[in-house]
Amino acid sequence: MQLNLTRPICFFDLETTGINVAKDRIVEISILKIYPNGNKESKTWLVNPEMPIPAEVVAVHGISDEKVANEPTFKELSKEIYSMIKDCDLGGFNSDRFDIPLLAEEMLRAEVDFDMKSTVSVDVQTIFHKMEKRTLAAAYKFYCDKELTDAHSAEADTNATYEVLLSQLDRYPELENNIKKLAEFSTHRQFVDFAGFIGLDEDGEEIFSFGKHKGRKVHDVLEKEPGYFGWILNADFPLYTKKVLTQIKLSKLNNKLG
């Protein structure tokens, strides 16, 4: 089985200092790039997160402060990483809800204009849960009949994720070997930002998905309560959410001026 690609797709996995998308940092990133002709390119980086790695997290992935003390920071690696994933679709295991949002935060902190407007993402975990409802190690055993002996190593998890997707396509004839179709199938809900604070209504218009304005159109709220925009920009929201909200506000302003 080979993926039917119209452009490259990058499967990737992160090991981090924790699970808070807005505050935690990457300590390891592994990328497996698959080209439409079937060629592969892979790269793994250890990253100095510039913050302590909690002991309970070290116990999971084995990456300690000492191990990354002399490694480059994400900002130092950001251009190299971005050049590898630029103009590619993305794939991962729980990537839509964690890896992609956290990667976006790191990119924006490094002043890289990371945007997903022309990119689709395939979340292999969602496909797995919709079909079998298990974990990555169980998925690897179930689909590939292999033991994931090096779990929580970014490189091992990345390669396992890619192999699982290929096996899923073999097992389920109803899954179309098409990245956009797989991305649609592996999406939980339709959100404009990664963190799920801004969604879309049935007409495809942006709405707030939280708080006192939940369900209301973003344009209406920003027009009637301008201070809400400033509050979000100054509050502890993910950088990508703030970026998306700013784009929405600017598009409305440009439409008025036009």
C-alpha atoms as a PDB file:
ATOM      1  CA  MET A   1       0.000   0.000   0.000  1.00  0.00           C
ATOM      2  CA  GLN A   2       1.259   3.470  -0.902  1.00  0.00           C
ATOM      3  CA  LEU A   3      -0.472   6.723  -0.007  1.00  0.00           C
ATOM      4  CA  ASN A   4      -2.180   8.460  -2.920  1.00  0.00           C
ATOM      5  CA  LEU A   5      -0.633  11.919  -2.649  1.00  0.00           C
ATOM      6  CA  THR A   6      -0.868  15.062  -4.720  1.00  0.00           C
ATOM      7  CA  ARG A   7       1.759  16.780  -2.569  1.00  0.00           C
ATOM      8  CA  PRO A   8       4.045  15.675   0.291  1.00  0.00           C
ATOM      9  CA  ILE A   9       2.658  14.822   3.727  1.00  0.00           C
ATOM     10  CA  CYS A  10       4.696  15.130   6.923  1.00  0.00           C
ATOM     11  CA  PHE A  11       3.922  12.735   9.744  1.00  0.00           C
ATOM     12  CA  PHE A  12       5.318  14.109  12.982  1.00  0.00           C
ATOM     13  CA  ASP A  13       5.343  13.570  16.718  1.00  0.00           C
ATOM     14  CA  LEU A  14       6.341  15.792  19.635  1.00  0.00           C
ATOM     15  CA  GLU A  15       7.709  15.072  23.070  1.00  0.00           C
ATOM     16  CA  THR A  16       7.095  18.050  25.335  1.00  0.00           C
ATOM     17  CA  THR A  17       7.422  19.496  28.827  1.00  0.00           C
ATOM     18  CA  GLY A  18       3.692  18.903  29.429  1.00  0.00           C
ATOM     19  CA  ILE A  19       0.235  19.041  27.856  1.00  0.00           C
ATOM     20  CA  ASN A  20      -0.621  22.751  28.107  1.00  0.00           C
ATOM     21  CA  VAL A  21      -0.624  23.912  24.490  1.00  0.00           C
ATOM     22  CA  ALA A  22      -0.183  27.590  25.373  1.00  0.00           C
ATOM     23  CA  LYS A  23       2.573  27.189  27.978  1.00  0.00           C
ATOM     24  CA  ASP A  24       4.521  23.962  27.438  1.00  0.00           C
ATOM     25  CA  ARG A  25       7.451  23.508  25.072  1.00  0.00           C
ATOM     26  CA  ILE A  26       8.850  20.928  22.656  1.00  0.00           C
ATOM     27  CA  VAL A  27      11.822  18.817  23.786  1.00  0.00           C
ATOM     28  CA  GLU A  28      11.897  16.487  20.765  1.00  0.00           C
ATOM     29  CA  ILE A  29      10.345  16.549  17.314  1.00  0.00           C
ATOM     30  CA  SER A  30      10.505  13.876  14.659  1.00  0.00           C
ATOM     31  CA  ILE A  31       9.256  14.332  11.089  1.00  0.00           C
ATOM     32  CA  LEU A  32       8.743  11.679   8.429  1.00  0.00           C
ATOM     33  CA  LYS A  33       8.128  13.307   5.043  1.00  0.00           C
ATOM     34  CA  ILE A  34       6.447  11.189   2.358  1.00  0.00           C
ATOM     35  CA  TYR A  35       6.603  12.404  -1.244  1.00  0.00           C
ATOM     36  CA  PRO A  36       3.992  11.634  -3.932  1.00  0.00           C
ATOM     37  CA  ASN A  37       6.474   9.301  -5.657  1.00  0.00           C
ATOM     38  CA  GLY A  38       6.863   7.273  -2.442  1.00  0.00           C
ATOM     39  CA  ASN A  39      10.263   8.640  -1.451  1.00  0.00           C
ATOM     40  CA  LYS A  40      10.796   9.314   2.241  1.00  0.00           C
ATOM     41  CA  GLU A  41      12.842  11.807   4.249  1.00  0.00           C
ATOM     42  CA  SER A  42      13.104  11.794   8.036  1.00  0.00           C
ATOM     43  CA  LYS A  43      14.665  14.014  10.656  1.00  0.00           C
ATOM     44  CA  THR A  44      14.623  14.098  14.464  1.00  0.00           C
ATOM     45  CA  TRP A  45      15.721  16.985  16.652  1.00  0.00           C
ATOM     46  CA  LEU A  46      16.239  17.258  20.408  1.00  0.00           C
ATOM     47  CA  VAL A  47      15.228  20.723  21.597  1.00  0.00           C
ATOM     48  CA  ASN A  48      16.221  22.824  24.590  1.00  0.00           C
ATOM     49  CA  PRO A  49      12.826  24.021  25.899  1.00  0.00           C
ATOM     50  CA  GLU A  50      14.380  26.827  27.984  1.00  0.00           C
ATOM     51  CA  MET A  51      12.310  25.677  30.957  1.00  0.00           C
ATOM     52  CA  PRO A  52      12.575  22.792  33.443  1.00  0.00           C
ATOM     53  CA  ILE A  53      11.141  19.436  32.374  1.00  0.00           C
ATOM     54  CA  PRO A  54       8.985  18.066  35.231  1.00  0.00           C
ATOM     55  CA  ALA A  55      10.137  14.766  36.730  1.00  0.00           C
ATOM     56  CA  GLU A  56       6.791  13.093  36.011  1.00  0.00           C
ATOM     57  CA  VAL A  57       7.162  13.999  32.329  1.00  0.00           C
ATOM     58  CA  VAL A  58      10.771  12.773  32.200  1.00  0.00           C
ATOM     59  CA  ALA A  59       9.463   9.457  33.538  1.00  0.00           C
ATOM     60  CA  VAL A  60       7.258   9.173  30.439  1.00  0.00           C
ATOM     61  CA  HIS A  61       9.614  10.083  27.578  1.00  0.00           C
ATOM     62  CA  GLY A  62      13.038   9.867  29.268  1.00  0.00           C
ATOM     63  CA  ILE A  63      14.225  13.288  28.090  1.00  0.00           C
ATOM     64  CA  SER A  64      15.781  15.161  31.006  1.00  0.00           C
ATOM     65  CA  ASP A  65      17.073  18.710  31.473  1.00  0.00           C
ATOM     66  CA  GLU A  66      20.624  17.388  31.211  1.00  0.00           C
ATOM     67  CA  LYS A  67      19.910  15.619  27.923  1.00  0.00           C
ATOM     68  CA  VAL A  68      18.757  18.804  26.180  1.00  0.00           C
ATOM     69  CA  ALA A  69      20.939  21.349  28.002  1.00  0.00           C
ATOM     70  CA  ASN A  70      23.308  21.744  25.039  1.00  0.00           C
ATOM     71  CA  GLU A  71      20.728  21.284  22.298  1.00  0.00           C
ATOM     72  CA  PRO A  72      19.444  24.195  20.154  1.00  0.00           C
ATOM     73  CA  THR A  73      16.284  26.049  21.122  1.00  0.00           C
ATOM     74  CA  PHE A  74      13.159  25.765  18.999  1.00  0.00           C
ATOM     75  CA  LYS A  75      13.698  29.285  17.697  1.00  0.00           C
ATOM     76  CA  GLU A  76      17.135  28.246  16.456  1.00  0.00           C
ATOM     77  CA  LEU A  77      15.627  25.213  14.716  1.00  0.00           C
ATOM     78  CA  SER A  78      12.377  26.818  13.549  1.00  0.00           C
ATOM     79  CA  LYS A  79      13.446  27.780  10.017  1.00  0.00           C
ATOM     80  CA  GLU A  80      14.881  24.324   9.321  1.00  0.00           C
ATOM     81  CA  ILE A  81      11.763  22.617  10.658  1.00  0.00           C
ATOM     82  CA  TYR A  82       9.439  24.964   8.794  1.00  0.00           C
ATOM     83  CA  SER A  83      11.297  24.451   5.514  1.00  0.00           C
ATOM     84  CA  MET A  84      10.667  20.708   5.860  1.00  0.00           C
ATOM     85  CA  ILE A  85       6.911  20.991   6.460  1.00  0.00           C
ATOM     86  CA  LYS A  86       6.141  24.047   4.324  1.00  0.00           C
ATOM     87  CA  ASP A  87       3.630  23.350   1.523  1.00  0.00           C
ATOM     88  CA  CYS A  88       2.965  19.866   2.953  1.00  0.00           C
ATOM     89  CA  ASP A  89      -0.065  18.265   4.515  1.00  0.00           C
ATOM     90  CA  LEU A  90       0.355  16.966   8.064  1.00  0.00           C
ATOM     91  CA  GLY A  91      -0.302  13.652   9.775  1.00  0.00           C
ATOM     92  CA  GLY A  92      -0.004  12.437  13.339  1.00  0.00           C
ATOM     93  CA  PHE A  93      -1.558  10.584  16.266  1.00  0.00           C
ATOM     94  CA  ASN A  94      -3.769  12.967  18.276  1.00  0.00           C
ATOM     95  CA  SER A  95      -2.138  15.689  16.175  1.00  0.00           C
ATOM     96  CA  ASP A  96      -5.232  17.827  15.574  1.00  0.00           C
ATOM     97  CA  ARG A  97      -5.828  18.352  19.288  1.00  0.00           C
ATOM     98  CA  PHE A  98      -2.250  18.496  20.574  1.00  0.00           C
ATOM     99  CA  ASP A  99       0.768  18.277  18.264  1.00  0.00           C
ATOM    100  CA  ILE A 100      -0.352  20.756  15.599  1.00  0.00           C
ATOM    101  CA  PRO A 101      -1.647  23.365  18.088  1.00  0.00           C
ATOM    102  CA  LEU A 102       1.556  23.169  20.147  1.00  0.00           C
ATOM    103  CA  LEU A 103       3.763  23.286  17.039  1.00  0.00           C
ATOM    104  CA  ALA A 104       1.849  26.364  15.881  1.00  0.00           C
ATOM    105  CA  GLU A 105       2.480  28.074  19.225  1.00  0.00           C
ATOM    106  CA  GLU A 106       6.211  27.333  19.035  1.00  0.00           C
ATOM    107  CA  MET A 107       6.375  28.608  15.437  1.00  0.00           C
ATOM    108  CA  LEU A 108       4.584  31.839  16.277  1.00  0.00           C
ATOM    109  CA  ARG A 109       6.819  32.401  19.318  1.00  0.00           C
ATOM    110  CA  ALA A 110       9.783  31.968  16.963  1.00  0.00           C
ATOM    111  CA  GLU A 111       8.205  34.598  14.663  1.00  0.00           C
ATOM    112  CA  VAL A 112       7.519  32.088  11.885  1.00  0.00           C
ATOM    113  CA  ASP A 113       4.191  32.852  10.187  1.00  0.00           C
ATOM    114  CA  PHE A 114       2.782  29.339  10.563  1.00  0.00           C
ATOM    115  CA  ASP A 115      -0.622  28.983   8.924  1.00  0.00           C
ATOM    116  CA  MET A 116      -2.844  25.985   8.094  1.00  0.00           C
ATOM    117  CA  LYS A 117      -5.137  27.664   5.543  1.00  0.00           C
ATOM    118  CA  SER A 118      -3.881  25.619   2.589  1.00  0.00           C
ATOM    119  CA  THR A 119      -2.963  22.522   4.628  1.00  0.00           C
ATOM    120  CA  VAL A 120      -5.065  19.528   5.593  1.00  0.00           C
ATOM    121  CA  SER A 121      -4.239  17.218   8.481  1.00  0.00           C
ATOM    122  CA  VAL A 122      -4.890  13.510   8.980  1.00  0.00           C
ATOM    123  CA  ASP A 123      -5.282  12.466  12.602  1.00  0.00           C
ATOM    124  CA  VAL A 124      -4.608   8.731  12.646  1.00  0.00           C
ATOM    125  CA  GLN A 125      -5.824   8.488  16.244  1.00  0.00           C
ATOM    126  CA  THR A 126      -9.278   9.720  15.246  1.00  0.00           C
ATOM    127  CA  ILE A 127      -9.504   7.166  12.436  1.00  0.00           C
ATOM    128  CA  PHE A 128      -8.391   4.488  14.886  1.00  0.00           C
ATOM    129  CA  HIS A 129     -10.879   5.541  17.575  1.00  0.00           C
ATOM    130  CA  LYS A 130     -13.739   5.709  15.079  1.00  0.00           C
ATOM    131  CA  MET A 131     -12.889   2.231  13.839  1.00  0.00           C
ATOM    132  CA  GLU A 132     -11.488   0.389  16.878  1.00  0.00           C
ATOM    133  CA  LYS A 133     -11.254   2.776  19.880  1.00  0.00           C
ATOM    134  CA  ARG A 134      -7.766   1.942  21.256  1.00  0.00           C
ATOM    135  CA  THR A 135      -4.313   3.499  21.952  1.00  0.00           C
ATOM    136  CA  LEU A 136      -1.267   3.871  19.664  1.00  0.00           C
ATOM    137  CA  ALA A 137       0.502   0.788  21.053  1.00  0.00           C
ATOM    138  CA  ALA A 138      -2.696  -1.227  20.659  1.00  0.00           C
ATOM    139  CA  ALA A 139      -3.229   0.249  17.192  1.00  0.00           C
ATOM    140  CA  TYR A 140       0.270  -0.803  16.154  1.00  0.00           C
ATOM    141  CA  LYS A 141      -0.338  -4.318  17.447  1.00  0.00           C
ATOM    142  CA  PHE A 142      -3.845  -4.529  15.984  1.00  0.00           C
ATOM    143  CA  TYR A 143      -3.078  -3.181  12.513  1.00  0.00           C
ATOM    144  CA  CYS A 144       0.588  -4.097  12.013  1.00  0.00           C
ATOM    145  CA  ASP A 145       0.916  -7.091  14.374  1.00  0.00           C
ATOM    146  CA  LYS A 146       4.028  -5.497  15.891  1.00  0.00           C
ATOM    147  CA  GLU A 147       4.952  -4.455  19.427  1.00  0.00           C
ATOM    148  CA  LEU A 148       5.694  -0.757  19.944  1.00  0.00           C
ATOM    149  CA  THR A 149       8.713  -1.417  22.148  1.00  0.00           C
ATOM    150  CA  ASP A 150      10.044   2.153  22.122  1.00  0.00           C
ATOM    151  CA  ALA A 151       6.837   4.061  22.869  1.00  0.00           C
ATOM    152  CA  HIS A 152       7.213   7.751  23.770  1.00  0.00           C
ATOM    153  CA  SER A 153      10.245   8.043  21.546  1.00  0.00           C
ATOM    154  CA  ALA A 154       9.202  10.643  18.970  1.00  0.00           C
ATOM    155  CA  GLU A 155      10.890   8.769  16.121  1.00  0.00           C
ATOM    156  CA  ALA A 156       9.337   5.399  17.037  1.00  0.00           C
ATOM    157  CA  ASP A 157       5.878   6.928  17.480  1.00  0.00           C
ATOM    158  CA  THR A 158       6.163   8.822  14.181  1.00  0.00           C
ATOM    159  CA  ASN A 159       7.090   5.745  12.152  1.00  0.00           C
ATOM    160  CA  ALA A 160       4.449   3.638  13.921  1.00  0.00           C
ATOM    161  CA  THR A 161       1.790   6.245  13.113  1.00  0.00           C
ATOM    162  CA  TYR A 162       2.689   6.167   9.413  1.00  0.00           C
ATOM    163  CA  GLU A 163       2.618   2.355   9.330  1.00  0.00           C
ATOM    164  CA  VAL A 164      -0.749   2.284  11.129  1.00  0.00           C
ATOM    165  CA  LEU A 165      -2.323   4.606   8.546  1.00  0.00           C
ATOM    166  CA  LEU A 166      -1.124   2.400   5.691  1.00  0.00           C
ATOM    167  CA  SER A 167      -2.582  -0.656   7.434  1.00  0.00           C
ATOM    168  CA  GLN A 168      -5.851   1.197   8.075  1.00  0.00           C
ATOM    169  CA  LEU A 169      -6.164   1.850   4.348  1.00  0.00           C
ATOM    170  CA  ASP A 170      -5.548  -1.842   3.669  1.00  0.00           C
ATOM    171  CA  ARG A 171      -8.084  -2.966   6.267  1.00  0.00           C
ATOM    172  CA  TYR A 172     -10.952  -0.566   5.561  1.00  0.00           C
ATOM    173  CA  PRO A 173     -11.956  -0.377   1.882  1.00  0.00           C
ATOM    174  CA  GLU A 174     -14.423   2.389   2.764  1.00  0.00           C
ATOM    175  CA  LEU A 175     -11.477   4.666   3.629  1.00  0.00           C
ATOM    176  CA  GLU A 176     -10.472   6.495   0.478  1.00  0.00           C
ATOM    177  CA  ASN A 177      -6.731   6.758  -0.200  1.00  0.00           C
ATOM    178  CA  ASN A 178      -6.957  10.512  -0.480  1.00  0.00           C
ATOM    179  CA  ILE A 179      -5.392  12.899   2.029  1.00  0.00           C
ATOM    180  CA  LYS A 180      -8.224  15.439   1.950  1.00  0.00           C
ATOM    181  CA  LYS A 181     -10.832  12.701   2.486  1.00  0.00           C
ATOM    182  CA  LEU A 182      -8.778  11.188   5.319  1.00  0.00           C
ATOM    183  CA  ALA A 183      -8.406  14.640   6.873  1.00  0.00           C
ATOM    184  CA  GLU A 184     -12.176  15.143   6.767  1.00  0.00           C
ATOM    185  CA  PHE A 185     -12.790  11.718   8.305  1.00  0.00           C
ATOM    186  CA  SER A 186     -10.257  12.263  11.088  1.00  0.00           C
ATOM    187  CA  THR A 187     -11.610  15.684  12.088  1.00  0.00           C
ATOM    188  CA  HIS A 188     -13.757  15.801  15.236  1.00  0.00           C
ATOM    189  CA  ARG A 189     -15.385  19.191  14.841  1.00  0.00           C
ATOM    190  CA  GLN A 190     -14.920  22.146  12.541  1.00  0.00           C
ATOM    191  CA  PHE A 191     -12.874  24.896  14.181  1.00  0.00           C
ATOM    192  CA  VAL A 192     -11.063  27.866  12.693  1.00  0.00           C
ATOM    193  CA  ASP A 193      -8.345  27.811  15.343  1.00  0.00           C
ATOM    194  CA  PHE A 194      -6.599  24.727  16.700  1.00  0.00           C
ATOM    195  CA  ALA A 195      -7.696  25.124  20.312  1.00  0.00           C
ATOM    196  CA  GLY A 196     -11.397  25.204  19.466  1.00  0.00           C
ATOM    197  CA  PHE A 197     -12.249  28.703  20.705  1.00  0.00           C
ATOM    198  CA  ILE A 198     -13.520  29.815  17.284  1.00  0.00           C
ATOM    199  CA  GLY A 199     -15.803  27.504  15.316  1.00  0.00           C
ATOM    200  CA  LEU A 200     -18.049  27.649  12.266  1.00  0.00           C
ATOM    201  CA  ASP A 201     -21.825  27.709  12.194  1.00  0.00           C
ATOM    202  CA  GLU A 202     -23.977  25.840   9.664  1.00  0.00           C
ATOM    203  CA  ASP A 203     -23.510  28.718   7.202  1.00  0.00           C
ATOM    204  CA  GLY A 204     -19.718  28.568   7.491  1.00  0.00           C
ATOM    205  CA  GLU A 205     -19.445  31.811   9.486  1.00  0.00           C
ATOM    206  CA  GLU A 206     -17.041  32.161  12.412  1.00  0.00           C
ATOM    207  CA  ILE A 207     -18.612  31.887  15.869  1.00  0.00           C
ATOM    208  CA  PHE A 208     -17.216  31.882  19.393  1.00  0.00           C
ATOM    209  CA  SER A 209     -17.216  28.400  20.947  1.00  0.00           C
ATOM    210  CA  PHE A 210     -16.767  29.430  24.584  1.00  0.00           C
ATOM    211  CA  GLY A 211     -17.759  31.899  27.266  1.00  0.00           C
ATOM    212  CA  LYS A 212     -20.574  34.400  27.397  1.00  0.00           C
ATOM    213  CA  HIS A 213     -20.657  34.791  23.611  1.00  0.00           C
ATOM    214  CA  LYS A 214     -20.701  31.069  22.833  1.00  0.00           C
ATOM    215  CA  GLY A 215     -22.593  30.468  19.583  1.00  0.00           C
ATOM    216  CA  ARG A 216     -22.560  34.127  18.535  1.00  0.00           C
ATOM    217  CA  LYS A 217     -20.959  35.333  15.309  1.00  0.00           C
ATOM    218  CA  VAL A 218     -17.468  36.713  15.858  1.00  0.00           C
ATOM    219  CA  HIS A 219     -18.080  39.707  13.581  1.00  0.00           C
ATOM    220  CA  ASP A 220     -21.203  40.703  15.539  1.00  0.00           C
ATOM    221  CA  VAL A 221     -19.455  40.449  18.911  1.00  0.00           C
ATOM    222  CA  LEU A 222     -16.412  42.448  17.787  1.00  0.00           C
ATOM    223  CA  GLU A 223     -18.635  45.157  16.329  1.00  0.00           C
ATOM    224  CA  LYS A 224     -20.947  45.476  19.331  1.00  0.00           C
ATOM    225  CA  GLU A 225     -18.314  44.873  22.031  1.00  0.00           C
ATOM    226  CA  PRO A 226     -14.905  46.064  20.683  1.00  0.00           C
ATOM    227  CA  GLY A 227     -13.238  45.584  24.070  1.00  0.00           C
ATOM    228  CA  TYR A 228     -13.734  41.811  23.823  1.00  0.00           C
ATOM    229  CA  PHE A 229     -11.059  41.658  21.122  1.00  0.00           C
ATOM    230  CA  GLY A 230      -8.543  43.442  23.349  1.00  0.00           C
ATOM    231  CA  TRP A 231      -9.419  41.226  26.295  1.00  0.00           C
ATOM    232  CA  ILE A 232      -8.668  38.066  24.297  1.00  0.00           C
ATOM    233  CA  LEU A 233      -5.379  39.476  22.981  1.00  0.00           C
ATOM    234  CA  ASN A 234      -4.229  40.274  26.527  1.00  0.00           C
ATOM    235  CA  ALA A 235      -5.564  37.093  28.151  1.00  0.00           C
ATOM    236  CA  ASP A 236      -3.950  33.648  28.314  1.00  0.00           C
ATOM    237  CA  PHE A 237      -5.217  32.339  24.967  1.00  0.00           C
ATOM    238  CA  PRO A 238      -3.034  30.451  22.449  1.00  0.00           C
ATOM    239  CA  LEU A 239      -1.123  32.652  20.024  1.00  0.00           C
ATOM    240  CA  TYR A 240      -2.742  30.944  17.042  1.00  0.00           C
ATOM    241  CA  THR A 241      -6.221  31.757  18.364  1.00  0.00           C
ATOM    242  CA  LYS A 242      -5.187  35.410  18.682  1.00  0.00           C
ATOM    243  CA  LYS A 243      -3.749  35.315  15.147  1.00  0.00           C
ATOM    244  CA  VAL A 244      -6.982  33.901  13.707  1.00  0.00           C
ATOM    245  CA  LEU A 245      -9.132  36.428  15.594  1.00  0.00           C
ATOM    246  CA  THR A 246      -6.962  39.281  14.317  1.00  0.00           C
ATOM    247  CA  GLN A 247      -7.340  38.002  10.743  1.00  0.00           C
ATOM    248  CA  ILE A 248     -11.126  37.897  11.147  1.00  0.00           C
ATOM    249  CA  LYS A 249     -11.187  41.444  12.519  1.00  0.00           C
ATOM    250  CA  LEU A 250      -8.955  42.736   9.699  1.00  0.00           C
ATOM    251  CA  SER A 251     -11.028  41.004   7.017  1.00  0.00           C
ATOM    252  CA  LYS A 252     -14.164  42.718   8.340  1.00  0.00           C
ATOM    253  CA  LEU A 253     -12.373  46.079   8.359  1.00  0.00           C
ATOM    254  CA  ASN A 254     -11.089  45.557   4.800  1.00  0.00           C
ATOM    255  CA  ASN A 255     -14.601  44.685   3.609  1.00  0.00           C
ATOM    256  CA  LYS A 256     -15.929  47.948   5.083  1.00  0.00           C
ATOM    257  CA  LEU A 257     -13.141  49.981   3.483  1.00  0.00           C
ATOM    258  CA  GLY A 258     -13.663  48.186   0.172  1.00  0.00           C
END
